Amino acid sequence: MKKYIILTAIFATSFTITKAQSQEDWARFGKYEQANKTAPKGRVVFMGNSITEGWNRTHPEFFEKNNYICRGIGGQTSMQMLVRFRRDVIDLKPKVVVILAGTNDVAQNAGYIAPENTLGNIISMAELAKANGIKVVLSSILPAYEFRWRKIADVAAKIISLNKMIKEYADQNKIPYVDYHTALKDERNGLPEKYAKDGVHPLSEGYDVMEGMLQPLLVKSLR
């Protein structure tokens, strides 16, 4: 319960900051500005939202022992990630980038965005990475049945549809795709309580599953 309260507070704070800074630093370049100056090069960068940011906070040892770099920012959409992709990924010169985006697009955190435009932002990040010699791993959006911070209709179905589009692009371009959705979903195509108390942000047990799926791909990619 303590971990759940902490993660919920992290998400709420991150989303509030994103809104407050929408005029002066919409993409949150300042979040990792200092950390980027001393970040280790040559490994893996995780680009994402609060799910990625919470991953590092919940399982810091996973990042530390593997020399992985977390660049997740709570509340962010694929548009914001794309804007800061050069600063927070390319400039760090990693061998691999893991992209996990789309939850907050479906939640309309920055207003409505068509699924094909979310996909386009993800594709642009992948293309930028490949153009700079960085291998790409694409992630499915985690399952969710509803968002407690915003009423959106048919959340589960929208996530499934967008995941299908991401997977099709990954398959067509021979990019590794990690299907967290299938591994974590419940009978409603949501994220069950054993993995996420709020139905969106994973607990330690959820990240255990994700790491078990992702780590073999990263080991292979880093060879």
Protein backbone atom coordinates (compact mmCIF):
# COMPACT_ATOMS: atom_id res chain seq x y z
CA MET A 1 0.00 0.00 0.00
CA LYS A 2 2.87 2.37 0.82
CA LYS A 3 4.38 1.89 -2.67
CA TYR A 4 0.98 2.53 -4.24
CA ILE A 5 0.55 5.80 -2.33
CA ILE A 6 4.04 6.94 -3.33
CA LEU A 7 3.53 6.11 -7.01
CA THR A 8 0.14 7.83 -7.05
CA ALA A 9 1.70 10.94 -5.54
CA ILE A 10 4.50 10.86 -8.12
CA PHE A 11 2.01 10.70 -10.96
CA ALA A 12 -0.23 13.43 -9.58
CA THR A 13 2.73 15.73 -8.95
CA SER A 14 4.22 15.09 -12.38
CA PHE A 15 0.96 15.82 -14.15
CA THR A 16 0.45 19.03 -12.17
CA ILE A 17 3.96 20.21 -13.02
CA THR A 18 3.41 19.44 -16.69
CA LYS A 19 0.30 21.62 -16.74
CA ALA A 20 1.92 24.41 -14.76
CA GLN A 21 4.93 24.50 -17.05
CA SER A 22 2.95 24.23 -20.27
CA GLN A 23 3.88 27.77 -21.30
CA GLU A 24 7.52 27.93 -20.22
CA ASP A 25 8.68 24.31 -20.70
CA TRP A 26 5.92 22.31 -22.36
CA ALA A 27 8.13 19.33 -23.19
CA ARG A 28 9.91 19.44 -19.80
CA PHE A 29 13.45 19.83 -21.17
CA GLY A 30 14.48 20.94 -17.71
CA LYS A 31 13.53 17.66 -16.04
CA TYR A 32 16.74 15.85 -16.98
CA GLU A 33 18.92 18.78 -18.05
CA GLN A 34 21.47 18.30 -15.27
CA ALA A 35 21.31 14.50 -15.29
CA ASN A 36 22.03 14.42 -19.02
CA LYS A 37 25.35 16.17 -18.47
CA THR A 38 26.72 13.23 -16.50
CA ALA A 39 24.66 10.34 -17.90
CA PRO A 40 26.64 7.24 -18.93
CA LYS A 41 26.73 6.58 -22.66
CA GLY A 42 26.53 3.40 -24.66
CA ARG A 43 23.71 1.48 -23.00
CA VAL A 44 19.90 1.78 -23.01
CA VAL A 45 17.59 4.78 -22.59
CA PHE A 46 13.96 4.26 -21.56
CA MET A 47 11.74 6.96 -23.07
CA GLY A 48 8.25 7.21 -21.63
CA ASN A 49 5.72 8.70 -19.26
CA SER A 50 4.86 8.07 -15.59
CA ILE A 51 4.92 4.30 -16.15
CA THR A 52 8.57 4.55 -17.17
CA GLU A 53 9.37 7.12 -14.48
CA GLY A 54 7.69 4.92 -11.86
CA TRP A 55 9.67 1.92 -13.11
CA ASN A 56 12.93 3.59 -12.12
CA ARG A 57 11.54 4.68 -8.75
CA THR A 58 10.06 1.25 -7.97
CA HIS A 59 12.95 -0.89 -9.26
CA PRO A 60 16.01 1.41 -9.20
CA GLU A 61 18.27 -1.63 -8.99
CA PHE A 62 17.11 -2.78 -12.44
CA PHE A 63 18.41 0.45 -13.94
CA GLU A 64 21.51 0.73 -11.78
CA LYS A 65 22.88 -2.78 -12.19
CA ASN A 66 22.33 -2.74 -15.96
CA ASN A 67 23.51 0.84 -16.46
CA TYR A 68 20.13 1.76 -17.98
CA ILE A 69 18.91 5.35 -18.15
CA CYS A 70 15.35 6.39 -17.32
CA ARG A 71 13.91 9.36 -19.18
CA GLY A 72 10.26 8.97 -18.26
CA ILE A 73 8.15 12.00 -17.33
CA GLY A 74 4.74 11.65 -15.69
CA GLY A 75 1.74 12.81 -17.67
CA GLN A 76 3.54 13.12 -21.00
CA THR A 77 2.05 12.39 -24.39
CA SER A 78 3.88 11.08 -27.45
CA MET A 79 4.05 14.67 -28.76
CA GLN A 80 6.05 15.83 -25.77
CA MET A 81 8.34 12.80 -25.93
CA LEU A 82 9.04 13.45 -29.59
CA VAL A 83 9.93 17.09 -28.90
CA ARG A 84 12.50 16.15 -26.26
CA PHE A 85 13.74 12.97 -27.97
CA ARG A 86 16.94 14.54 -29.27
CA ARG A 87 17.91 15.99 -25.91
CA ASP A 88 16.93 13.03 -23.74
CA VAL A 89 17.86 10.15 -26.06
CA ILE A 90 19.96 10.95 -29.12
CA ASP A 91 22.41 13.23 -27.31
CA LEU A 92 23.09 10.45 -24.78
CA LYS A 93 24.33 8.20 -27.61
CA PRO A 94 22.81 4.94 -26.34
CA LYS A 95 22.96 1.65 -28.21
CA VAL A 96 19.23 1.04 -27.66
CA VAL A 97 16.13 3.07 -26.86
CA VAL A 98 12.99 1.53 -25.37
CA ILE A 99 9.93 3.58 -26.32
CA LEU A 100 6.76 3.26 -24.23
CA ALA A 101 4.19 5.86 -25.27
CA GLY A 102 0.47 6.28 -25.83
CA THR A 103 -1.33 5.98 -22.49
CA ASN A 104 -1.67 9.74 -22.06
CA ASP A 105 -2.60 10.20 -25.71
CA VAL A 106 -5.59 7.93 -25.16
CA ALA A 107 -6.30 9.84 -21.92
CA GLN A 108 -6.21 13.12 -23.90
CA ASN A 109 -3.79 14.77 -21.46
CA ALA A 110 -2.93 17.32 -24.15
CA GLY A 111 -6.33 17.24 -25.83
CA TYR A 112 -7.64 14.84 -28.43
CA ILE A 113 -5.10 13.24 -30.75
CA ALA A 114 -6.06 10.78 -33.48
CA PRO A 115 -4.54 7.29 -33.12
CA GLU A 116 -2.71 7.61 -36.44
CA ASN A 117 -1.03 10.78 -35.14
CA THR A 118 0.07 9.02 -31.95
CA LEU A 119 1.50 6.28 -34.15
CA GLY A 120 3.17 8.93 -36.29
CA ASN A 121 4.91 10.39 -33.24
CA ILE A 122 6.15 6.94 -32.22
CA ILE A 123 7.35 6.27 -35.77
CA SER A 124 9.17 9.60 -35.83
CA MET A 125 11.00 8.71 -32.61
CA ALA A 126 11.94 5.33 -34.05
CA GLU A 127 13.16 6.88 -37.29
CA LEU A 128 15.20 9.51 -35.45
CA ALA A 129 16.81 6.77 -33.38
CA LYS A 130 17.66 4.60 -36.39
CA ALA A 131 19.05 7.59 -38.30
CA ASN A 132 21.46 8.09 -35.40
CA GLY A 133 22.55 4.47 -35.16
CA ILE A 134 20.37 3.64 -32.15
CA LYS A 135 18.49 0.34 -32.05
CA VAL A 136 14.79 0.57 -31.19
CA VAL A 137 12.52 -1.53 -29.00
CA LEU A 138 8.83 -0.62 -29.19
CA SER A 139 6.44 -1.34 -26.33
CA SER A 140 2.74 -1.99 -26.28
CA ILE A 141 0.66 0.41 -24.24
CA LEU A 142 -0.18 -1.23 -20.93
CA PRO A 143 -3.78 -2.34 -20.49
CA ALA A 144 -6.23 0.01 -18.80
CA TYR A 145 -9.99 -0.14 -18.43
CA GLU A 146 -10.45 3.46 -17.33
CA PHE A 147 -8.53 6.55 -16.22
CA ARG A 148 -9.43 7.94 -12.83
CA TRP A 149 -8.23 11.43 -13.69
CA ARG A 150 -10.32 11.78 -16.86
CA LYS A 151 -13.49 10.17 -18.19
CA ILE A 152 -12.74 8.66 -21.60
CA ALA A 153 -15.07 6.24 -23.34
CA ASP A 154 -13.92 2.77 -24.44
CA VAL A 155 -10.39 3.12 -23.04
CA ALA A 156 -9.58 -0.59 -23.26
CA ALA A 157 -10.69 -0.86 -26.89
CA LYS A 158 -8.79 2.25 -27.91
CA ILE A 159 -5.59 0.93 -26.36
CA ILE A 160 -6.00 -2.44 -28.11
CA SER A 161 -6.53 -0.70 -31.45
CA LEU A 162 -3.48 1.54 -31.03
CA ASN A 163 -1.34 -1.41 -29.94
CA LYS A 164 -2.32 -3.25 -33.10
CA MET A 165 -1.08 -0.29 -35.15
CA ILE A 166 2.22 -0.13 -33.23
CA LYS A 167 2.79 -3.87 -33.64
CA GLU A 168 2.05 -3.77 -37.36
CA TYR A 169 4.63 -1.00 -37.81
CA ALA A 170 7.16 -2.90 -35.71
CA ASP A 171 6.63 -6.12 -37.66
CA GLN A 172 6.87 -4.37 -41.02
CA ASN A 173 10.15 -2.74 -40.01
CA LYS A 174 11.66 -5.69 -38.11
CA ILE A 175 11.68 -3.77 -34.82
CA PRO A 176 11.40 -5.77 -31.57
CA TYR A 177 7.98 -5.30 -29.98
CA VAL A 178 7.26 -6.09 -26.32
CA ASP A 179 3.62 -7.06 -25.76
CA TYR A 180 3.10 -6.07 -22.14
CA HIS A 181 -0.61 -5.77 -22.79
CA THR A 182 -1.24 -9.46 -23.38
CA ALA A 183 0.89 -10.46 -20.41
CA LEU A 184 -0.74 -8.07 -17.92
CA LYS A 185 -4.39 -7.73 -18.96
CA ASP A 186 -7.40 -9.06 -17.05
CA GLU A 187 -10.80 -10.20 -18.34
CA ARG A 188 -11.83 -6.57 -18.99
CA ASN A 189 -8.60 -5.82 -20.87
CA GLY A 190 -7.61 -3.68 -17.91
CA LEU A 191 -4.68 -3.81 -15.52
CA PRO A 192 -5.68 -5.99 -12.54
CA GLU A 193 -5.23 -4.90 -8.94
CA LYS A 194 -2.42 -7.40 -8.35
CA TYR A 195 -0.34 -5.42 -10.87
CA ALA A 196 -1.69 -1.88 -10.34
CA LYS A 197 -3.89 -0.56 -7.56
CA ASP A 198 -5.12 2.33 -9.70
CA GLY A 199 -5.49 0.27 -12.88
CA VAL A 200 -2.79 2.22 -14.74
CA HIS A 201 0.52 2.49 -12.88
CA PRO A 202 2.26 -0.82 -12.17
CA LEU A 203 3.25 -2.04 -8.75
CA SER A 204 6.52 -3.90 -8.24
CA GLU A 205 4.84 -7.12 -9.37
CA GLY A 206 3.86 -5.53 -12.67
CA TYR A 207 7.38 -4.34 -13.32
CA ASP A 208 8.66 -7.84 -12.53
CA VAL A 209 6.61 -9.17 -15.45
CA MET A 210 7.73 -6.35 -17.74
CA GLU A 211 11.41 -6.86 -16.92
CA GLY A 212 11.13 -10.59 -17.54
CA MET A 213 9.84 -9.89 -21.04
CA LEU A 214 12.14 -6.99 -21.91
CA GLN A 215 15.51 -7.98 -20.51
CA PRO A 216 16.21 -10.88 -22.95
CA LEU A 217 15.56 -8.52 -25.87
CA LEU A 218 17.91 -5.92 -24.46
CA VAL A 219 20.67 -8.44 -23.82
CA LYS A 220 20.37 -9.56 -27.43
CA SER A 221 20.31 -6.00 -28.75
CA LEU A 222 23.40 -5.02 -26.79
CA ARG A 223 25.57 -7.81 -28.16
